[in-house]
Amino acid sequence: MVSSSDTKIKVLIIEDDEAVLEMYSQQLVMDGFNIIKAVDGTSGLSKAIIEQPDIILLDIIIPELDGFEVLHRLKSNVKTLNIPVVLLSNLSQPEQIAQGRLLGAKDYLVKSNVVPSKLVQKIKEFLV
């Protein structure tokens, strides 16, 4: 299937762990997604506003602004309010999951429980 970059689904990944960022990016590119990367909360927020991705994968423990603050700002901005956000974290306490959902995350996935192919499946679920 050939598609132009204009028709590809844009996924913004905000993740400070370079290995994890590359692992998810490679899988998503192989599955036909257009990837935008950010390694901290400030640049992630800026890229979300400028790039208008179709979905955002957001780590919680990231430099500058943590994921919860980024999520709060995304959901408070009219330009990014309706972009689905999936939190991807190693934090798995019920309070953190509840906080993520309360702030407007579509889902909360624990990294150690999610293989890249399952992540692709989740993204497709949210965008159909």
Protein backbone atom coordinates (compact mmCIF):
# COMPACT_ATOMS: atom_id res chain seq x y z
CA MET A 1 0.00 0.00 0.00
CA VAL A 2 1.46 3.34 -1.02
CA SER A 3 0.31 6.42 0.78
CA SER A 4 1.56 9.96 0.83
CA SER A 5 2.81 11.45 4.06
CA ASP A 6 -0.32 13.61 4.07
CA THR A 7 -2.57 10.58 4.54
CA LYS A 8 -0.45 8.72 7.09
CA ILE A 9 -1.60 8.77 10.68
CA LYS A 10 0.67 11.12 12.66
CA VAL A 11 1.80 9.80 16.03
CA LEU A 12 3.66 12.02 18.48
CA ILE A 13 5.78 10.02 20.91
CA ILE A 14 6.95 11.94 23.98
CA GLU A 15 9.54 9.69 25.61
CA ASP A 16 12.96 10.46 27.12
CA ASP A 17 14.37 6.92 27.00
CA GLU A 18 16.10 6.80 23.61
CA ALA A 19 15.95 2.99 23.36
CA VAL A 20 12.22 2.90 24.09
CA LEU A 21 11.58 5.82 21.74
CA GLU A 22 13.42 4.05 18.90
CA MET A 23 11.73 0.71 19.57
CA TYR A 24 8.23 2.21 19.37
CA SER A 25 9.16 4.48 16.47
CA GLN A 26 10.54 1.65 14.35
CA GLN A 27 7.47 -0.50 14.90
CA LEU A 28 5.09 2.34 14.08
CA VAL A 29 7.02 3.32 10.94
CA MET A 30 6.93 -0.32 9.77
CA ASP A 31 3.17 -0.23 10.26
CA GLY A 32 2.83 2.87 8.09
CA PHE A 33 2.59 5.64 10.68
CA ASN A 34 4.25 9.04 10.44
CA ILE A 35 6.27 9.58 13.63
CA ILE A 36 7.06 12.80 15.46
CA LYS A 37 9.45 12.49 18.43
CA ALA A 38 9.99 14.57 21.53
CA VAL A 39 12.29 13.77 24.46
CA ASP A 40 10.88 16.17 27.06
CA GLY A 41 7.57 17.68 28.09
CA THR A 42 8.21 21.18 26.81
CA SER A 43 9.16 20.15 23.28
CA GLY A 44 6.40 17.53 23.27
CA LEU A 45 3.78 20.12 24.11
CA SER A 46 5.13 22.48 21.46
CA LYS A 47 5.18 19.75 18.80
CA ALA A 48 1.63 18.72 19.69
CA ILE A 49 0.39 22.27 19.09
CA ILE A 50 2.37 22.79 15.87
CA GLU A 51 2.12 19.33 14.28
CA GLN A 52 -1.44 18.45 15.32
CA PRO A 53 -0.83 14.68 15.53
CA ASP A 54 -3.69 12.20 15.30
CA ILE A 55 -2.67 10.60 18.60
CA ILE A 56 -0.03 11.16 21.31
CA LEU A 57 1.90 8.51 23.22
CA LEU A 58 3.08 10.17 26.42
CA ASP A 59 5.48 8.95 29.07
CA ILE A 60 4.91 10.33 32.58
CA ILE A 61 8.44 10.65 33.93
CA ILE A 62 10.08 12.98 31.41
CA PRO A 63 12.28 16.08 31.80
CA GLU A 64 11.04 19.67 32.09
CA LEU A 65 7.27 19.09 32.31
CA ASP A 66 6.13 15.68 33.55
CA GLY A 67 3.56 13.72 31.56
CA PHE A 68 0.66 14.64 33.85
CA GLU A 69 1.40 18.36 33.39
CA VAL A 70 1.74 17.91 29.61
CA LEU A 71 -1.58 16.05 29.55
CA HIS A 72 -3.26 18.77 31.62
CA ARG A 73 -1.98 21.47 29.25
CA LEU A 74 -2.98 19.48 26.16
CA LYS A 75 -6.52 19.08 27.44
CA SER A 76 -6.67 22.77 28.41
CA ASN A 77 -5.68 24.01 24.95
CA VAL A 78 -8.38 24.33 22.30
CA LYS A 79 -5.85 23.30 19.59
CA THR A 80 -4.98 19.98 21.28
CA LEU A 81 -8.07 19.25 23.37
CA ASN A 82 -9.44 16.54 21.07
CA ILE A 83 -6.20 14.72 20.31
CA PRO A 84 -6.34 11.30 22.01
CA VAL A 85 -3.51 10.76 24.48
CA VAL A 86 -2.30 7.34 25.63
CA LEU A 87 -0.09 7.40 28.70
CA LEU A 88 2.79 4.93 28.48
CA SER A 89 4.65 4.51 31.72
CA ASN A 90 6.43 2.13 34.05
CA LEU A 91 4.38 3.64 36.88
CA SER A 92 1.54 1.27 37.58
CA GLN A 93 -0.02 2.39 40.85
CA PRO A 94 -3.83 2.71 40.80
CA GLU A 95 -3.56 6.38 41.89
CA GLN A 96 -1.39 7.22 38.88
CA ILE A 97 -3.72 5.42 36.48
CA ALA A 98 -6.71 7.22 38.03
CA GLN A 99 -4.94 10.58 37.77
CA GLY A 100 -4.16 9.96 34.09
CA ARG A 101 -7.77 9.11 33.30
CA LEU A 102 -9.04 12.07 35.33
CA LEU A 103 -6.81 14.39 33.29
CA GLY A 104 -8.28 13.01 30.05
CA ALA A 105 -6.03 10.16 28.88
CA LYS A 106 -7.74 7.68 26.55
CA ASP A 107 -5.77 4.84 28.09
CA TYR A 108 -2.91 4.11 30.47
CA LEU A 109 -0.51 1.39 29.39
CA VAL A 110 2.32 -0.02 31.50
CA LYS A 111 5.40 -0.25 29.25
CA SER A 112 6.55 -3.59 30.61
CA ASN A 113 3.17 -5.10 29.67
CA VAL A 114 2.98 -3.72 26.11
CA VAL A 115 4.91 -5.07 23.15
CA PRO A 116 5.22 -2.68 20.20
CA SER A 117 2.79 -4.67 18.02
CA LYS A 118 0.12 -4.40 20.75
CA LEU A 119 0.72 -0.68 20.87
CA VAL A 120 -0.01 -0.46 17.13
CA GLN A 121 -3.25 -2.36 17.73
CA LYS A 122 -4.24 0.06 20.52
CA ILE A 123 -3.55 3.10 18.34
CA LYS A 124 -5.74 1.71 15.58
CA GLU A 125 -8.54 1.06 18.11
CA PHE A 126 -8.52 4.68 19.24
CA LEU A 127 -8.50 6.13 15.75
CA VAL A 128 -11.24 4.02 14.17
